[in-house]
PDB file of N, CA and C in Angstrom:
ATOM      1  N   MET A   1     -68.619 139.774 -42.955  1.00  0.00           N
ATOM      2  CA  MET A   1     -69.896 139.140 -43.206  1.00  0.00           C
ATOM      3  C   MET A   1     -69.979 138.828 -44.704  1.00  0.00           C
ATOM      4  N   ALA A   2     -70.403 137.605 -45.015  1.00  0.00           N
ATOM      5  CA  ALA A   2     -70.521 137.176 -46.406  1.00  0.00           C
ATOM      6  C   ALA A   2     -71.821 137.704 -47.003  1.00  0.00           C
ATOM      7  N   SER A   3     -71.748 138.046 -48.267  1.00  0.00           N
ATOM      8  CA  SER A   3     -72.956 138.498 -48.955  1.00  0.00           C
ATOM      9  C   SER A   3     -73.669 137.295 -49.572  1.00  0.00           C
ATOM     10  N   ILE A   4     -74.927 137.468 -49.863  1.00  0.00           N
ATOM     11  CA  ILE A   4     -75.698 136.398 -50.498  1.00  0.00           C
ATOM     12  C   ILE A   4     -75.060 136.025 -51.827  1.00  0.00           C
ATOM     13  N   LYS A   5     -74.610 137.032 -52.539  1.00  0.00           N
ATOM     14  CA  LYS A   5     -73.984 136.793 -53.842  1.00  0.00           C
ATOM     15  C   LYS A   5     -72.752 135.902 -53.691  1.00  0.00           C
ATOM     16  N   ASP A   6     -71.927 136.160 -52.677  1.00  0.00           N
ATOM     17  CA  ASP A   6     -70.726 135.345 -52.453  1.00  0.00           C
ATOM     18  C   ASP A   6     -71.086 133.909 -52.086  1.00  0.00           C
ATOM     19  N   ILE A   7     -72.111 133.768 -51.279  1.00  0.00           N
ATOM     20  CA  ILE A   7     -72.548 132.421 -50.879  1.00  0.00           C
ATOM     21  C   ILE A   7     -73.046 131.647 -52.091  1.00  0.00           C
ATOM     22  N   LEU A   8     -73.861 132.300 -52.924  1.00  0.00           N
ATOM     23  CA  LEU A   8     -74.379 131.625 -54.109  1.00  0.00           C
ATOM     24  C   LEU A   8     -73.273 131.266 -55.089  1.00  0.00           C
ATOM     25  N   LYS A   9     -72.269 132.113 -55.198  1.00  0.00           N
ATOM     26  CA  LYS A   9     -71.138 131.837 -56.090  1.00  0.00           C
ATOM     27  C   LYS A   9     -70.315 130.639 -55.622  1.00  0.00           C
ATOM     28  N   SER A  10     -70.398 130.311 -54.331  1.00  0.00           N
ATOM     29  CA  SER A  10     -69.589 129.223 -53.792  1.00  0.00           C
ATOM     30  C   SER A  10     -70.097 127.834 -54.193  1.00  0.00           C
ATOM     31  N   TYR A  11     -71.327 127.747 -54.701  1.00  0.00           N
ATOM     32  CA  TYR A  11     -71.873 126.463 -55.121  1.00  0.00           C
ATOM     33  C   TYR A  11     -71.345 126.079 -56.493  1.00  0.00           C
ATOM     34  N   SER A  12     -71.028 124.794 -56.655  1.00  0.00           N
ATOM     35  CA  SER A  12     -70.569 124.305 -57.959  1.00  0.00           C
ATOM     36  C   SER A  12     -71.767 124.180 -58.901  1.00  0.00           C
ATOM     37  N   LYS A  13     -71.486 124.046 -60.188  1.00  0.00           N
ATOM     38  CA  LYS A  13     -72.569 123.880 -61.168  1.00  0.00           C
ATOM     39  C   LYS A  13     -73.351 122.597 -60.889  1.00  0.00           C
ATOM     40  N   GLY A  14     -72.666 121.561 -60.427  1.00  0.00           N
ATOM     41  CA  GLY A  14     -73.334 120.303 -60.098  1.00  0.00           C
ATOM     42  C   GLY A  14     -74.294 120.466 -58.924  1.00  0.00           C
ATOM     43  N   GLN A  15     -73.858 121.213 -57.900  1.00  0.00           N
ATOM     44  CA  GLN A  15     -74.714 121.451 -56.742  1.00  0.00           C
ATOM     45  C   GLN A  15     -75.946 122.266 -57.138  1.00  0.00           C
ATOM     46  N   VAL A  16     -75.724 123.271 -57.971  1.00  0.00           N
ATOM     47  CA  VAL A  16     -76.843 124.111 -58.427  1.00  0.00           C
ATOM     48  C   VAL A  16     -77.827 123.270 -59.225  1.00  0.00           C
ATOM     49  N   SER A  17     -77.316 122.420 -60.084  1.00  0.00           N
ATOM     50  CA  SER A  17     -78.179 121.570 -60.903  1.00  0.00           C
ATOM     51  C   SER A  17     -79.002 120.628 -60.024  1.00  0.00           C
ATOM     52  N   LYS A  18     -78.369 120.049 -59.011  1.00  0.00           N
ATOM     53  CA  LYS A  18     -79.071 119.137 -58.108  1.00  0.00           C
ATOM     54  C   LYS A  18     -80.161 119.875 -57.324  1.00  0.00           C
ATOM     55  N   MET A  19     -79.842 121.077 -56.830  1.00  0.00           N
ATOM     56  CA  MET A  19     -80.834 121.856 -56.079  1.00  0.00           C
ATOM     57  C   MET A  19     -81.988 122.292 -56.978  1.00  0.00           C
ATOM     58  N   ARG A  20     -81.662 122.700 -58.198  1.00  0.00           N
ATOM     59  CA  ARG A  20     -82.698 123.113 -59.148  1.00  0.00           C
ATOM     60  C   ARG A  20     -83.639 121.949 -59.432  1.00  0.00           C
ATOM     61  N   GLY A  21     -83.079 120.768 -59.612  1.00  0.00           N
ATOM     62  CA  GLY A  21     -83.889 119.580 -59.863  1.00  0.00           C
ATOM     63  C   GLY A  21     -84.837 119.291 -58.712  1.00  0.00           C
ATOM     64  N   LYS A  22     -84.347 119.473 -57.481  1.00  0.00           N
ATOM     65  CA  LYS A  22     -85.190 119.237 -56.299  1.00  0.00           C
ATOM     66  C   LYS A  22     -86.338 120.246 -56.245  1.00  0.00           C
ATOM     67  N   VAL A  23     -86.059 121.492 -56.578  1.00  0.00           N
ATOM     68  CA  VAL A  23     -87.107 122.524 -56.592  1.00  0.00           C
ATOM     69  C   VAL A  23     -88.161 122.177 -57.636  1.00  0.00           C
ATOM     70  N   VAL A  24     -87.721 121.821 -58.834  1.00  0.00           N
ATOM     71  CA  VAL A  24     -88.652 121.474 -59.911  1.00  0.00           C
ATOM     72  C   VAL A  24     -89.491 120.261 -59.506  1.00  0.00           C
ATOM     73  N   GLU A  25     -88.879 119.311 -58.801  1.00  0.00           N
ATOM     74  CA  GLU A  25     -89.587 118.111 -58.353  1.00  0.00           C
ATOM     75  C   GLU A  25     -90.696 118.449 -57.350  1.00  0.00           C
ATOM     76  N   THR A  26     -90.486 119.452 -56.520  1.00  0.00           N
ATOM     77  CA  THR A  26     -91.468 119.774 -55.479  1.00  0.00           C
ATOM     78  C   THR A  26     -92.544 120.764 -55.928  1.00  0.00           C
ATOM     79  N   ILE A  27     -92.352 121.438 -57.040  1.00  0.00           N
ATOM     80  CA  ILE A  27     -93.306 122.451 -57.489  1.00  0.00           C
ATOM     81  C   ILE A  27     -94.736 121.919 -57.609  1.00  0.00           C
ATOM     82  N   PRO A  28     -94.962 120.765 -58.219  1.00  0.00           N
ATOM     83  CA  PRO A  28     -96.355 120.310 -58.354  1.00  0.00           C
ATOM     84  C   PRO A  28     -97.074 120.109 -57.017  1.00  0.00           C
ATOM     85  N   ARG A  29     -96.335 119.856 -55.955  1.00  0.00           N
ATOM     86  CA  ARG A  29     -96.970 119.650 -54.645  1.00  0.00           C
ATOM     87  C   ARG A  29     -97.205 120.957 -53.919  1.00  0.00           C
ATOM     88  N   ASN A  30     -96.687 122.052 -54.434  1.00  0.00           N
ATOM     89  CA  ASN A  30     -96.783 123.337 -53.747  1.00  0.00           C
ATOM     90  C   ASN A  30     -97.411 124.413 -54.615  1.00  0.00           C
ATOM     91  N   VAL A  31     -98.523 124.075 -55.235  1.00  0.00           N
ATOM     92  CA  VAL A  31     -99.239 125.003 -56.098  1.00  0.00           C
ATOM     93  C   VAL A  31    -100.439 125.545 -55.336  1.00  0.00           C
ATOM     94  N   TYR A  32    -100.648 126.835 -55.419  1.00  0.00           N
ATOM     95  CA  TYR A  32    -101.810 127.447 -54.785  1.00  0.00           C
ATOM     96  C   TYR A  32    -102.867 127.748 -55.852  1.00  0.00           C
ATOM     97  N   ALA A  33    -104.110 127.449 -55.544  1.00  0.00           N
ATOM     98  CA  ALA A  33    -105.201 127.741 -56.468  1.00  0.00           C
ATOM     99  C   ALA A  33    -105.626 129.189 -56.284  1.00  0.00           C
ATOM    100  N   ARG A  34    -105.777 129.905 -57.388  1.00  0.00           N
ATOM    101  CA  ARG A  34    -106.211 131.298 -57.314  1.00  0.00           C
ATOM    102  C   ARG A  34    -107.535 131.513 -58.028  1.00  0.00           C
ATOM    103  N   THR A  35    -107.999 130.542 -58.752  1.00  0.00           N
ATOM    104  CA  THR A  35    -109.245 130.726 -59.487  1.00  0.00           C
ATOM    105  C   THR A  35    -110.421 130.307 -58.611  1.00  0.00           C
ATOM    106  N   SER A  36    -111.602 130.761 -58.993  1.00  0.00           N
ATOM    107  CA  SER A  36    -112.793 130.385 -58.231  1.00  0.00           C
ATOM    108  C   SER A  36    -113.081 128.893 -58.390  1.00  0.00           C
ATOM    109  N   ALA A  37    -112.615 128.310 -59.484  1.00  0.00           N
ATOM    110  CA  ALA A  37    -112.838 126.879 -59.718  1.00  0.00           C
ATOM    111  C   ALA A  37    -111.844 126.029 -58.945  1.00  0.00           C
ATOM    112  N   GLY A  38    -110.751 126.613 -58.490  1.00  0.00           N
ATOM    113  CA  GLY A  38    -109.742 125.854 -57.756  1.00  0.00           C
ATOM    114  C   GLY A  38    -108.953 124.942 -58.672  1.00  0.00           C
ATOM    115  N   LEU A  39    -108.388 123.909 -58.089  1.00  0.00           N
ATOM    116  CA  LEU A  39    -107.556 122.981 -58.852  1.00  0.00           C
ATOM    117  C   LEU A  39    -108.262 121.653 -59.109  1.00  0.00           C
ATOM    118  N   GLY A  40    -109.529 121.592 -58.806  1.00  0.00           N
ATOM    119  CA  GLY A  40    -110.248 120.336 -59.017  1.00  0.00           C
ATOM    120  C   GLY A  40    -109.792 119.284 -58.028  1.00  0.00           C
ATOM    121  N   THR A  41    -109.278 118.163 -58.531  1.00  0.00           N
ATOM    122  CA  THR A  41    -108.867 117.061 -57.660  1.00  0.00           C
ATOM    123  C   THR A  41    -107.439 117.204 -57.150  1.00  0.00           C
ATOM    124  N   VAL A  42    -106.720 118.226 -57.599  1.00  0.00           N
ATOM    125  CA  VAL A  42    -105.333 118.435 -57.174  1.00  0.00           C
ATOM    126  C   VAL A  42    -105.330 119.278 -55.908  1.00  0.00           C
ATOM    127  N   ASN A  43    -104.633 118.794 -54.883  1.00  0.00           N
ATOM    128  CA  ASN A  43    -104.525 119.557 -53.640  1.00  0.00           C
ATOM    129  C   ASN A  43    -103.485 120.657 -53.784  1.00  0.00           C
ATOM    130  N   ASP A  44    -103.808 121.850 -53.299  1.00  0.00           N
ATOM    131  CA  ASP A  44    -102.816 122.914 -53.296  1.00  0.00           C
ATOM    132  C   ASP A  44    -102.021 122.830 -51.989  1.00  0.00           C
ATOM    133  N   ALA A  45    -101.049 123.720 -51.826  1.00  0.00           N
ATOM    134  CA  ALA A  45    -100.168 123.684 -50.659  1.00  0.00           C
ATOM    135  C   ALA A  45    -100.946 123.837 -49.357  1.00  0.00           C
ATOM    136  N   PHE A  46    -101.988 124.646 -49.347  1.00  0.00           N
ATOM    137  CA  PHE A  46    -102.815 124.821 -48.149  1.00  0.00           C
ATOM    138  C   PHE A  46    -103.486 123.507 -47.779  1.00  0.00           C
ATOM    139  N   ASP A  47    -104.084 122.834 -48.773  1.00  0.00           N
ATOM    140  CA  ASP A  47    -104.739 121.544 -48.519  1.00  0.00           C
ATOM    141  C   ASP A  47    -103.762 120.532 -47.943  1.00  0.00           C
ATOM    142  N   ILE A  48    -102.571 120.453 -48.518  1.00  0.00           N
ATOM    143  CA  ILE A  48    -101.560 119.499 -48.066  1.00  0.00           C
ATOM    144  C   ILE A  48    -101.167 119.787 -46.621  1.00  0.00           C
ATOM    145  N   THR A  49    -101.010 121.072 -46.294  1.00  0.00           N
ATOM    146  CA  THR A  49    -100.632 121.460 -44.929  1.00  0.00           C
ATOM    147  C   THR A  49    -101.723 121.080 -43.939  1.00  0.00           C
ATOM    148  N   ILE A  50    -102.971 121.410 -44.250  1.00  0.00           N
ATOM    149  CA  ILE A  50    -104.084 121.102 -43.348  1.00  0.00           C
ATOM    150  C   ILE A  50    -104.231 119.597 -43.169  1.00  0.00           C
ATOM    151  N   GLU A  51    -104.105 118.831 -44.242  1.00  0.00           N
ATOM    152  CA  GLU A  51    -104.186 117.373 -44.137  1.00  0.00           C
ATOM    153  C   GLU A  51    -103.103 116.836 -43.203  1.00  0.00           C
ATOM    154  N   GLY A  52    -101.898 117.391 -43.294  1.00  0.00           N
ATOM    155  CA  GLY A  52    -100.809 116.966 -42.418  1.00  0.00           C
ATOM    156  C   GLY A  52    -101.102 117.261 -40.958  1.00  0.00           C
ATOM    157  N   VAL A  53    -101.628 118.445 -40.693  1.00  0.00           N
ATOM    158  CA  VAL A  53    -101.970 118.826 -39.318  1.00  0.00           C
ATOM    159  C   VAL A  53    -103.067 117.904 -38.776  1.00  0.00           C
ATOM    160  N   LEU A  54    -104.094 117.671 -39.566  1.00  0.00           N
ATOM    161  CA  LEU A  54    -105.188 116.807 -39.117  1.00  0.00           C
ATOM    162  C   LEU A  54    -104.711 115.372 -38.866  1.00  0.00           C
ATOM    163  N   LYS A  55    -103.806 114.888 -39.697  1.00  0.00           N
ATOM    164  CA  LYS A  55    -103.255 113.544 -39.499  1.00  0.00           C
ATOM    165  C   LYS A  55    -102.497 113.475 -38.182  1.00  0.00           C
ATOM    166  N   ARG A  56    -101.707 114.508 -37.878  1.00  0.00           N
ATOM    167  CA  ARG A  56    -100.966 114.512 -36.613  1.00  0.00           C
ATOM    168  C   ARG A  56    -101.904 114.505 -35.424  1.00  0.00           C
ATOM    169  N   VAL A  57    -102.969 115.297 -35.495  1.00  0.00           N
ATOM    170  CA  VAL A  57    -103.937 115.348 -34.397  1.00  0.00           C
ATOM    171  C   VAL A  57    -104.600 113.980 -34.238  1.00  0.00           C
ATOM    172  N   LYS A  58    -104.986 113.378 -35.351  1.00  0.00           N
ATOM    173  CA  LYS A  58    -105.630 112.066 -35.321  1.00  0.00           C
ATOM    174  C   LYS A  58    -104.685 111.017 -34.728  1.00  0.00           C
ATOM    175  N   ASP A  59    -103.422 111.012 -35.161  1.00  0.00           N
ATOM    176  CA  ASP A  59    -102.441 110.056 -34.651  1.00  0.00           C
ATOM    177  C   ASP A  59    -102.211 110.255 -33.156  1.00  0.00           C
ATOM    178  N   GLU A  60    -102.148 111.510 -32.725  1.00  0.00           N
ATOM    179  CA  GLU A  60    -101.940 111.796 -31.304  1.00  0.00           C
ATOM    180  C   GLU A  60    -103.121 111.298 -30.481  1.00  0.00           C
ATOM    181  N   ASN A  61    -104.334 111.492 -30.987  1.00  0.00           N
ATOM    182  CA  ASN A  61    -105.524 111.035 -30.273  1.00  0.00           C
ATOM    183  C   ASN A  61    -105.574 109.515 -30.160  1.00  0.00           C
ATOM    184  N   LYS A  62    -105.068 108.801 -31.161  1.00  0.00           N
ATOM    185  CA  LYS A  62    -105.021 107.335 -31.096  1.00  0.00           C
ATOM    186  C   LYS A  62    -104.134 106.888 -29.938  1.00  0.00           C
ATOM    187  N   TRP A  63    -103.027 107.565 -29.735  1.00  0.00           N
ATOM    188  CA  TRP A  63    -102.093 107.189 -28.670  1.00  0.00           C
ATOM    189  C   TRP A  63    -102.639 107.488 -27.288  1.00  0.00           C
ATOM    190  N   LYS A  64    -103.544 108.440 -27.172  1.00  0.00           N
ATOM    191  CA  LYS A  64    -104.087 108.797 -25.859  1.00  0.00           C
ATOM    192  C   LYS A  64    -104.790 107.619 -25.196  1.00  0.00           C
ATOM    193  N   GLU A  65    -105.319 106.693 -26.003  1.00  0.00           N
ATOM    194  CA  GLU A  65    -105.964 105.504 -25.451  1.00  0.00           C
ATOM    195  C   GLU A  65    -104.964 104.631 -24.683  1.00  0.00           C
ATOM    196  N   TYR A  66    -103.729 104.622 -25.137  1.00  0.00           N
ATOM    197  CA  TYR A  66    -102.724 103.705 -24.606  1.00  0.00           C
ATOM    198  C   TYR A  66    -101.766 104.336 -23.603  1.00  0.00           C
ATOM    199  N   VAL A  67    -101.686 105.649 -23.627  1.00  0.00           N
ATOM    200  CA  VAL A  67    -100.706 106.338 -22.779  1.00  0.00           C
ATOM    201  C   VAL A  67    -101.429 107.328 -21.877  1.00  0.00           C
ATOM    202  N   ASP A  68    -101.095 107.281 -20.586  1.00  0.00           N
ATOM    203  CA  ASP A  68    -101.631 108.266 -19.661  1.00  0.00           C
ATOM    204  C   ASP A  68    -100.724 109.484 -19.727  1.00  0.00           C
ATOM    205  N   LEU A  69    -101.174 110.537 -20.415  1.00  0.00           N
ATOM    206  CA  LEU A  69    -100.339 111.715 -20.626  1.00  0.00           C
ATOM    207  C   LEU A  69    -100.194 112.578 -19.396  1.00  0.00           C
ATOM    208  N   HIS A  70    -100.968 112.313 -18.356  1.00  0.00           N
ATOM    209  CA  HIS A  70    -100.925 113.131 -17.148  1.00  0.00           C
ATOM    210  C   HIS A  70     -99.940 112.601 -16.108  1.00  0.00           C
ATOM    211  N   SER A  71     -99.307 111.483 -16.357  1.00  0.00           N
ATOM    212  CA  SER A  71     -98.391 110.931 -15.357  1.00  0.00           C
ATOM    213  C   SER A  71     -96.967 111.309 -15.628  1.00  0.00           C
TER     214      SER A  71
END
């Protein structure tokens, strides 16, 4: 069985740099507000998740008009 350390060592410096860049790129979209004032106009990760769920529900309900889901 491979250890986590061995797996991490198997990545090249270029791969690590690319993955690090992707993490840094996504950080602003995944911030949680901990203060009573919140983040103001910036959505935290919870807000983004709930908005996504509500959009899916809304999109699904639009299709119900056109598709008989019981057949």
